Amino acid sequence: MRPPSSFLGRRTPIDLQLTPMIDCVFLLMVYFIWSSSFTIAEQLLPSQLSPLPQGSGSTIDTAPEPIDDFEPLVVRLSISDGRVSWTLRDVPTKSLQQLAAALSAAARIKRDAPVIVHPQPAVPLGVVIDVYDLARLAGFVKVQFAASRAPDG
């Protein structure tokens, strides 16, 4: 038999603090919910399917033709006799509205094609900004400016 201990009467009941553990559980739940929602379902990925020949029940083993990259749209701004003229891909346009219509038509084909605004040094800055704004309003994302080197002197 064991002798009685003096510590037996002094024991205090153990209190479990569950609040920090519940906080950790909720943080882990939030982390896993957020990280799992960023996955893209495989059925939603874009793909191109080549058409099957008429009357054929088999698949085609050849890959579809690659889509050529869209050439950059170069908008040249020049000034002659005090009047500004615009050319889009070396095709002159008569007015700023015609340039806006041509840019909108090109944006419907491919919005991520680069647009390069190439002004002559004598063209006023306001006209250059107008062309930049037209390209952005048409929906183009990549609008860049062409710069020429200053002559050494």
Protein backbone atom coordinates (compact mmCIF):
# COMPACT_ATOMS: atom_id res chain seq x y z
CA MET A 1 0.00 0.00 0.00
CA ARG A 2 1.16 3.50 -0.75
CA PRO A 3 1.47 6.15 1.81
CA PRO A 4 -0.84 9.10 1.27
CA SER A 5 0.71 12.02 -0.59
CA SER A 6 0.49 15.62 0.44
CA PHE A 7 -0.13 16.66 -3.19
CA LEU A 8 -3.45 14.82 -3.53
CA GLY A 9 -5.49 17.46 -1.81
CA ARG A 10 -3.92 20.37 -3.70
CA ARG A 11 -4.77 19.33 -7.25
CA THR A 12 -6.74 21.83 -9.22
CA PRO A 13 -9.07 20.76 -11.99
CA ILE A 14 -7.56 21.01 -15.49
CA ASP A 15 -9.24 23.60 -17.70
CA LEU A 16 -8.84 23.02 -21.41
CA GLN A 17 -8.68 26.17 -23.53
CA LEU A 18 -10.27 25.18 -26.84
CA THR A 19 -10.48 28.65 -28.38
CA PRO A 20 -6.95 28.64 -29.93
CA MET A 21 -7.51 25.15 -31.33
CA ILE A 22 -10.86 26.17 -32.87
CA ASP A 23 -9.18 29.25 -34.37
CA CYS A 24 -6.52 27.05 -35.97
CA VAL A 25 -9.16 24.70 -37.37
CA PHE A 26 -11.09 27.58 -38.92
CA LEU A 27 -7.91 29.04 -40.42
CA LEU A 28 -7.07 25.68 -41.96
CA MET A 29 -10.60 25.39 -43.36
CA VAL A 30 -10.39 28.85 -44.91
CA TYR A 31 -6.98 28.05 -46.42
CA PHE A 32 -8.16 24.80 -48.00
CA ILE A 33 -11.39 26.34 -49.30
CA TRP A 34 -9.55 29.26 -50.90
CA SER A 35 -6.81 27.12 -52.42
CA SER A 36 -9.25 24.59 -53.86
CA SER A 37 -11.43 27.23 -55.52
CA PHE A 38 -8.63 28.38 -57.85
CA THR A 39 -8.48 25.15 -59.80
CA ILE A 40 -10.02 25.25 -63.26
CA ALA A 41 -12.28 22.43 -64.28
CA GLU A 42 -10.81 20.49 -67.17
CA GLN A 43 -14.01 20.66 -69.17
CA LEU A 44 -13.82 24.47 -69.28
CA LEU A 45 -10.43 24.69 -70.99
CA PRO A 46 -10.60 26.02 -74.56
CA SER A 47 -9.63 23.63 -77.31
CA GLN A 48 -9.86 23.40 -81.06
CA LEU A 49 -11.34 20.33 -82.63
CA SER A 50 -10.70 19.55 -86.26
CA PRO A 51 -13.85 18.66 -88.19
CA LEU A 52 -14.35 15.09 -89.26
CA PRO A 53 -14.71 14.33 -92.97
CA GLN A 54 -18.24 13.69 -94.21
CA GLY A 55 -19.33 10.07 -93.80
CA SER A 56 -16.29 9.10 -91.76
CA GLY A 57 -16.62 7.51 -88.37
CA SER A 58 -12.92 7.59 -87.55
CA THR A 59 -10.82 10.33 -86.05
CA ILE A 60 -8.26 12.39 -87.94
CA ASP A 61 -4.64 11.95 -86.91
CA THR A 62 -3.41 15.29 -88.29
CA ALA A 63 -3.17 18.40 -86.16
CA PRO A 64 -5.19 21.49 -87.09
CA GLU A 65 -3.50 24.28 -88.99
CA PRO A 66 -1.74 26.71 -86.65
CA ILE A 67 -3.27 30.15 -86.42
CA ASP A 68 -0.83 32.77 -87.63
CA ASP A 69 0.06 35.53 -85.25
CA PHE A 70 -1.68 38.80 -85.86
CA GLU A 71 0.77 41.37 -87.17
CA PRO A 72 1.19 44.48 -85.03
CA LEU A 73 -1.06 47.36 -86.01
CA VAL A 74 1.22 50.30 -86.75
CA VAL A 75 -0.52 53.68 -86.71
CA ARG A 76 1.74 56.29 -88.29
CA LEU A 77 1.04 59.94 -87.60
CA SER A 78 2.52 62.53 -89.90
CA ILE A 79 1.96 66.21 -90.44
CA SER A 80 2.11 68.06 -93.73
CA ASP A 81 0.87 71.56 -94.54
CA GLY A 82 -0.30 71.90 -90.93
CA ARG A 83 -2.69 68.93 -91.22
CA VAL A 84 -2.32 65.61 -89.46
CA SER A 85 -2.65 62.43 -91.49
CA TRP A 86 -3.05 58.89 -90.14
CA THR A 87 -2.06 55.59 -91.74
CA LEU A 88 -2.95 52.19 -90.34
CA ARG A 89 -0.77 49.39 -91.70
CA ASP A 90 0.40 51.75 -94.47
CA VAL A 91 -3.20 52.41 -95.57
CA PRO A 92 -4.09 56.10 -95.26
CA THR A 93 -7.25 57.05 -93.41
CA LYS A 94 -9.17 60.23 -94.14
CA SER A 95 -10.25 61.11 -90.61
CA LEU A 96 -9.89 60.18 -86.99
CA GLN A 97 -13.36 58.58 -87.11
CA GLN A 98 -12.29 56.31 -89.97
CA LEU A 99 -9.20 55.32 -87.97
CA ALA A 100 -11.43 54.55 -84.97
CA ALA A 101 -13.68 52.35 -87.14
CA ALA A 102 -10.66 50.47 -88.53
CA LEU A 103 -9.24 49.93 -85.03
CA SER A 104 -12.62 48.69 -83.77
CA ALA A 105 -12.84 46.21 -86.66
CA ALA A 106 -9.34 44.91 -85.90
CA ALA A 107 -10.14 44.67 -82.18
CA ARG A 108 -13.09 42.39 -82.94
CA ILE A 109 -10.64 39.98 -84.57
CA LYS A 110 -7.91 40.00 -81.92
CA ARG A 111 -7.85 42.30 -78.90
CA ASP A 112 -4.41 41.28 -77.68
CA ALA A 113 -2.64 42.27 -80.90
CA PRO A 114 -0.08 44.99 -80.27
CA VAL A 115 -0.87 48.50 -81.51
CA ILE A 116 2.18 50.68 -82.16
CA VAL A 117 1.63 54.43 -82.37
CA HIS A 118 4.44 55.94 -84.45
CA PRO A 119 4.26 59.74 -84.60
CA GLN A 120 6.62 62.06 -86.43
CA PRO A 121 8.39 64.53 -84.12
CA ALA A 122 6.31 67.48 -85.41
CA VAL A 123 2.93 65.89 -84.57
CA PRO A 124 1.26 67.58 -81.58
CA LEU A 125 1.09 65.53 -78.40
CA GLY A 126 -2.68 65.91 -78.15
CA VAL A 127 -3.17 64.10 -81.47
CA VAL A 128 -0.91 61.27 -80.33
CA ILE A 129 -2.91 60.93 -77.10
CA ASP A 130 -6.16 60.90 -79.11
CA VAL A 131 -4.89 57.93 -81.16
CA TYR A 132 -3.77 56.16 -77.99
CA ASP A 133 -7.21 56.71 -76.45
CA LEU A 134 -8.93 55.40 -79.62
CA ALA A 135 -6.88 52.20 -79.46
CA ARG A 136 -7.70 51.69 -75.78
CA LEU A 137 -11.40 52.42 -76.36
CA ALA A 138 -11.43 49.91 -79.22
CA GLY A 139 -10.39 47.29 -76.67
CA PHE A 140 -6.68 46.83 -77.34
CA VAL A 141 -4.58 45.96 -74.33
CA LYS A 142 -1.08 46.37 -75.75
CA VAL A 143 -0.73 49.94 -77.00
CA GLN A 144 2.89 51.02 -77.41
CA PHE A 145 4.75 54.01 -78.75
CA ALA A 146 7.53 53.87 -81.32
CA ALA A 147 10.47 56.08 -80.54
CA SER A 148 13.27 57.19 -82.79
CA ARG A 149 16.72 57.97 -81.60
CA ALA A 150 17.66 61.57 -81.17
CA PRO A 151 20.47 62.63 -83.49
CA ASP A 152 23.86 62.84 -81.82
CA GLY A 153 24.90 66.40 -81.34
